[in-house]
Protein backbone atom coordinates (compact mmCIF):
# COMPACT_ATOMS: atom_id res chain seq x y z
CA UNK A 1 10.94 9.62 24.11
CA UNK A 2 9.67 12.67 25.91
CA UNK A 3 10.18 15.09 23.83
CA UNK A 4 8.57 13.29 20.78
CA UNK A 5 5.05 12.69 22.85
CA UNK A 6 5.43 16.97 23.68
CA UNK A 7 5.33 17.29 19.44
CA UNK A 8 2.79 15.06 19.39
CA UNK A 9 1.15 16.93 21.30
CA UNK A 10 1.83 20.16 19.60
CA UNK A 11 0.68 19.60 15.89
CA UNK A 12 -3.41 18.10 17.90
CA UNK A 13 -3.22 21.97 18.66
CA UNK A 14 -2.17 23.34 15.84
CA UNK A 15 -4.84 21.59 14.33
CA UNK A 16 -7.11 22.25 16.75
CA UNK A 17 -6.39 25.63 15.57
CA UNK A 18 -6.66 25.32 12.33
CA UNK A 19 -10.35 23.92 12.93
CA UNK A 20 -11.66 25.95 15.32
CA UNK A 21 -12.66 29.52 15.05
CA UNK A 22 -10.47 32.47 13.47
CA UNK A 23 -8.78 29.22 12.11
CA UNK A 24 -8.45 28.38 8.06
CA UNK A 25 -11.70 28.50 6.23
CA UNK A 26 -9.66 25.65 4.29
CA UNK A 27 -9.09 22.97 7.13
CA UNK A 28 -13.18 24.40 8.86
CA UNK A 29 -14.52 23.33 6.04
CA UNK A 30 -12.75 19.19 5.80
CA UNK A 31 -15.04 16.28 6.63
CA UNK A 32 -13.69 12.52 6.31
CA UNK A 33 -14.10 11.92 3.06
CA UNK A 34 -13.07 15.14 1.00
CA UNK A 35 -9.50 15.13 3.78
CA UNK A 36 -9.14 10.92 2.11
CA UNK A 37 -8.21 11.88 -1.35
CA UNK A 38 -5.21 13.76 0.81
CA UNK A 39 -3.97 11.44 2.95
CA UNK A 40 -3.59 8.86 -0.16
CA UNK A 41 -1.34 10.93 -1.91
CA UNK A 42 0.74 12.02 0.86
CA UNK A 43 1.01 8.25 1.99
CA UNK A 44 2.06 7.49 -1.90
CA UNK A 45 4.25 10.73 -2.14
CA UNK A 46 6.34 9.27 0.86
CA UNK A 47 6.88 5.76 -1.17
CA UNK A 48 7.87 7.92 -3.65
CA UNK A 49 10.82 9.35 -1.00
CA UNK A 50 11.45 6.42 0.09
CA UNK A 51 12.30 5.18 -3.43
CA UNK A 52 14.86 7.92 -4.08
CA UNK A 53 16.51 7.58 -0.71
CA UNK A 54 16.13 11.05 0.13
CA UNK A 55 16.46 11.50 3.89
CA UNK A 56 15.29 15.39 3.89
CA UNK A 57 12.46 14.03 1.47
CA UNK A 58 11.87 11.42 3.39
CA UNK A 59 11.17 13.54 6.56
CA UNK A 60 8.60 15.99 5.43
CA UNK A 61 6.33 13.00 3.41
CA UNK A 62 6.71 11.39 7.03
CA UNK A 63 5.53 14.82 8.83
CA UNK A 64 2.75 15.35 6.20
CA UNK A 65 1.17 11.88 6.39
CA UNK A 66 1.49 12.41 10.28
CA UNK A 67 -0.35 15.73 9.74
CA UNK A 68 -2.81 13.40 7.32
CA UNK A 69 -3.38 10.78 9.97
CA UNK A 70 -4.05 13.12 12.91
CA UNK A 71 -6.23 15.28 11.03
CA UNK A 72 -8.72 13.34 9.99
CA UNK A 73 -8.77 11.88 13.75
CA UNK A 74 -9.29 15.36 15.40
CA UNK A 75 -12.88 14.97 12.92
CA UNK A 76 -14.14 11.98 14.17
CA UNK A 77 -13.03 13.44 18.20
CA UNK A 78 -15.21 16.04 17.13
CA UNK A 79 -18.00 14.35 16.69
CA UNK A 80 -17.41 12.33 20.29
CA UNK A 81 -16.98 8.66 18.15
CA UNK A 82 -13.21 8.22 19.89
CA UNK A 83 -10.53 9.75 20.86
CA UNK A 84 -6.47 9.52 19.76
CA UNK A 85 -5.34 8.41 22.82
CA UNK A 86 -8.60 4.94 21.93
CA UNK A 87 -6.98 5.26 18.50
CA UNK A 88 -3.02 4.93 19.68
CA UNK A 89 -4.44 2.54 22.83
CA UNK A 90 -6.01 0.61 20.17
CA UNK A 91 -2.78 -0.53 18.26
CA UNK A 92 -0.88 -0.77 20.85
CA UNK A 93 -3.00 -3.70 22.69
CA UNK A 94 -2.79 -5.30 18.80
CA UNK A 95 0.82 -5.54 18.41
CA UNK A 96 0.93 -6.52 22.01
CA UNK A 97 -1.68 -9.08 21.80
CA UNK A 98 -0.32 -10.24 17.49
CA UNK A 99 3.54 -10.21 18.72
CA UNK A 100 3.18 -12.67 22.35
CA UNK A 101 6.68 -14.10 21.19
CA UNK A 102 7.55 -10.41 21.34
CA UNK A 103 5.64 -9.32 24.98
CA UNK A 104 5.20 -12.54 26.87
CA UNK A 105 7.13 -14.78 26.98
CA UNK A 106 5.02 -17.37 24.25
CA UNK A 107 8.32 -19.41 22.22
CA UNK A 108 6.87 -20.23 18.50
CA UNK A 109 9.49 -23.50 16.85
CA UNK A 110 8.76 -22.14 13.62
CA UNK A 111 7.72 -19.68 11.56
CA UNK A 112 4.58 -21.19 10.80
CA UNK A 113 3.84 -22.01 13.90
CA UNK A 114 4.29 -18.37 14.75
CA UNK A 115 1.83 -17.06 11.44
CA UNK A 116 -1.33 -20.12 12.45
CA UNK A 117 -0.49 -18.31 15.88
CA UNK A 118 -1.00 -14.58 14.13
CA UNK A 119 -4.23 -16.10 12.45
CA UNK A 120 -5.99 -17.53 14.94
CA UNK A 121 -5.36 -14.06 17.28
CA UNK A 122 -7.28 -12.45 14.24
CA UNK A 123 -10.26 -14.36 15.02
CA UNK A 124 -9.71 -14.11 18.59
CA UNK A 125 -10.39 -10.36 17.10
CA UNK A 126 -13.30 -10.30 15.47
CA UNK A 127 -11.99 -11.36 12.37
CA UNK A 128 -13.40 -14.30 11.46
CA UNK A 129 -15.40 -13.15 8.26
CA UNK A 130 -12.78 -11.70 6.77
CA UNK A 131 -11.39 -13.68 3.33
CA UNK A 132 -7.99 -13.78 4.31
CA UNK A 133 -7.33 -12.61 0.14
CA UNK A 134 -9.06 -9.56 0.84
CA UNK A 135 -8.29 -6.09 0.41
CA UNK A 136 -8.22 -2.43 -0.19
CA UNK A 137 -9.94 -1.60 -2.98
CA UNK A 138 -7.90 1.18 -3.60
CA UNK A 139 -4.60 -0.32 -3.22
CA UNK A 140 -2.85 -1.13 -6.99
CA UNK A 141 -3.67 -3.78 -9.19
CA UNK A 142 -0.24 -5.05 -9.22
CA UNK A 143 0.44 -4.58 -5.92
CA UNK A 144 -3.04 -6.45 -4.46
CA UNK A 145 -1.83 -9.26 -7.41
CA UNK A 146 1.51 -9.20 -5.36
CA UNK A 147 -0.56 -9.99 -2.59
CA UNK A 148 -2.69 -11.79 -2.84
CA UNK A 149 -0.25 -15.14 -4.22
CA UNK A 150 2.15 -14.33 -0.96
CA UNK A 151 -0.45 -15.18 0.53
CA UNK A 152 -1.84 -18.06 -1.05
CA UNK A 153 1.54 -19.44 -1.12
CA UNK A 154 1.83 -18.47 2.41
CA UNK A 155 -0.71 -21.08 3.84
CA UNK A 156 0.20 -23.97 0.85
CA UNK A 157 -2.23 -23.08 -1.72
CA UNK A 158 -0.12 -25.11 -5.57
CA UNK A 159 1.69 -22.09 -7.47
CA UNK A 160 3.34 -22.61 -10.17
CA UNK A 161 7.02 -23.11 -10.40
CA UNK A 162 9.25 -20.86 -12.20
CA UNK A 163 9.11 -23.71 -15.58
CA UNK A 164 5.06 -24.12 -15.61
CA UNK A 165 5.04 -19.95 -15.32
CA UNK A 166 7.70 -19.19 -18.06
CA UNK A 167 5.73 -22.37 -20.30
CA UNK A 168 2.14 -20.18 -19.96
CA UNK A 169 3.63 -16.78 -20.58
CA UNK A 170 5.12 -18.33 -23.74
CA UNK A 171 1.35 -19.75 -24.74
CA UNK A 172 0.01 -16.57 -24.06
CA UNK A 173 1.71 -14.42 -25.59
CA UNK A 174 1.18 -16.58 -28.66
CA UNK A 175 -2.77 -16.22 -27.99
CA UNK A 176 -2.24 -12.93 -27.84
CA UNK A 177 -0.36 -11.99 -31.00
CA UNK A 178 -3.65 -14.07 -33.20
CA UNK A 179 -5.84 -12.45 -31.14
CA UNK A 180 -4.27 -8.50 -31.71
CA UNK A 181 -4.63 -10.31 -35.54
CA UNK A 182 -7.84 -10.51 -36.08
CA UNK A 183 -8.91 -7.54 -33.56
CA UNK A 184 -11.16 -9.40 -30.81
CA UNK A 185 -10.57 -6.41 -28.03
CA UNK A 186 -12.55 -7.94 -25.31
CA UNK A 187 -10.45 -11.34 -25.66
CA UNK A 188 -7.51 -9.01 -25.57
CA UNK A 189 -8.70 -7.45 -22.57
CA UNK A 190 -8.73 -10.43 -20.42
CA UNK A 191 -5.95 -12.25 -22.32
CA UNK A 192 -3.52 -9.76 -20.76
CA UNK A 193 -4.98 -9.47 -17.71
CA UNK A 194 -4.12 -12.97 -17.67
CA UNK A 195 -0.85 -12.26 -18.59
CA UNK A 196 -0.26 -9.47 -16.25
CA UNK A 197 -1.16 -12.08 -13.38
CA UNK A 198 1.30 -14.60 -14.78
CA UNK A 199 4.15 -11.43 -14.61
CA UNK A 200 3.19 -10.77 -10.92
CA UNK A 201 3.91 -14.33 -9.95
CA UNK A 202 6.82 -14.44 -11.66
CA UNK A 203 8.26 -11.85 -10.16
CA UNK A 204 6.97 -12.73 -6.85
CA UNK A 205 8.96 -16.24 -7.75
CA UNK A 206 12.69 -13.67 -8.22
CA UNK A 207 11.49 -12.47 -5.58
CA UNK A 208 10.22 -9.03 -7.42
CA UNK A 209 7.73 -6.14 -7.37
CA UNK A 210 6.57 -5.71 -10.36
CA UNK A 211 5.00 -2.17 -9.07
CA UNK A 212 7.93 -1.41 -8.03
CA UNK A 213 9.37 -2.38 -11.43
CA UNK A 214 6.99 -1.13 -13.89
CA UNK A 215 7.78 2.47 -12.07
CA UNK A 216 11.07 2.31 -12.73
CA UNK A 217 9.87 1.90 -16.00
CA UNK A 218 7.75 4.37 -16.54
CA UNK A 219 10.58 6.96 -14.81
CA UNK A 220 12.79 5.58 -17.14
CA UNK A 221 10.65 5.95 -20.33
CA UNK A 222 9.07 9.85 -18.95
CA UNK A 223 12.66 10.76 -18.90
CA UNK A 224 12.89 9.03 -22.48
CA UNK A 225 10.59 11.60 -23.64
CA UNK A 226 11.62 14.08 -22.21
CA UNK A 227 15.04 14.88 -23.60
CA UNK A 228 13.28 13.88 -27.41
CA UNK A 229 11.36 16.86 -26.40
CA UNK A 230 13.76 18.51 -25.74
CA UNK A 231 15.70 17.69 -28.52
CA UNK A 232 13.44 18.63 -30.45
CA UNK A 233 12.55 21.68 -29.35
CA UNK A 234 16.06 22.92 -29.93
CA UNK A 235 16.29 21.77 -33.68
CA UNK A 236 13.24 23.27 -34.04
């Protein structure tokens, strides 16, 4: 653990040097706003590496993401808005506060009771005004739908069972076929949205993440497309 702390400090020093006099012109001109897209890109690359189960790639992408997060943190440090230590202390306090069953002698009789305590702590932290179904706008739509339906179900909101969802899927698929025949694009857009929502909920009830499922199918299509292009090139 001591070595990890030393490496953390070393990375901070490297970023400061990149930003300082005689450093890198590109790094020197960055702002939180300009650097944000790179952080998001690295997060997606890490997710892709995890999916590939390539340990060397995962290790590299974790390092890239560490760099991005610390870099942005130091931009705020330069403006004397908050410190790296303050950020770390904030998340340490939050995790300890939200897990009294781990760091204190608090005992819960069920997962539901533990969840209710989690929500009470969030309210005490000043999270009261935030709607529980609010998620980042940049979150992919399929992932956002999954998180919304998961949280609603966890809070006891009535959700359809598999049989009901299947019936809705069949009914809306039939309606979509008729709309396609009638070339009603505006109605089609709304109905496709409804179908996607149903499919995400159907996936959730079966333990399937539709974002991952669609990503895998897209990868299959890309591989099929590349093979077709290569074969077409050979025949010309």
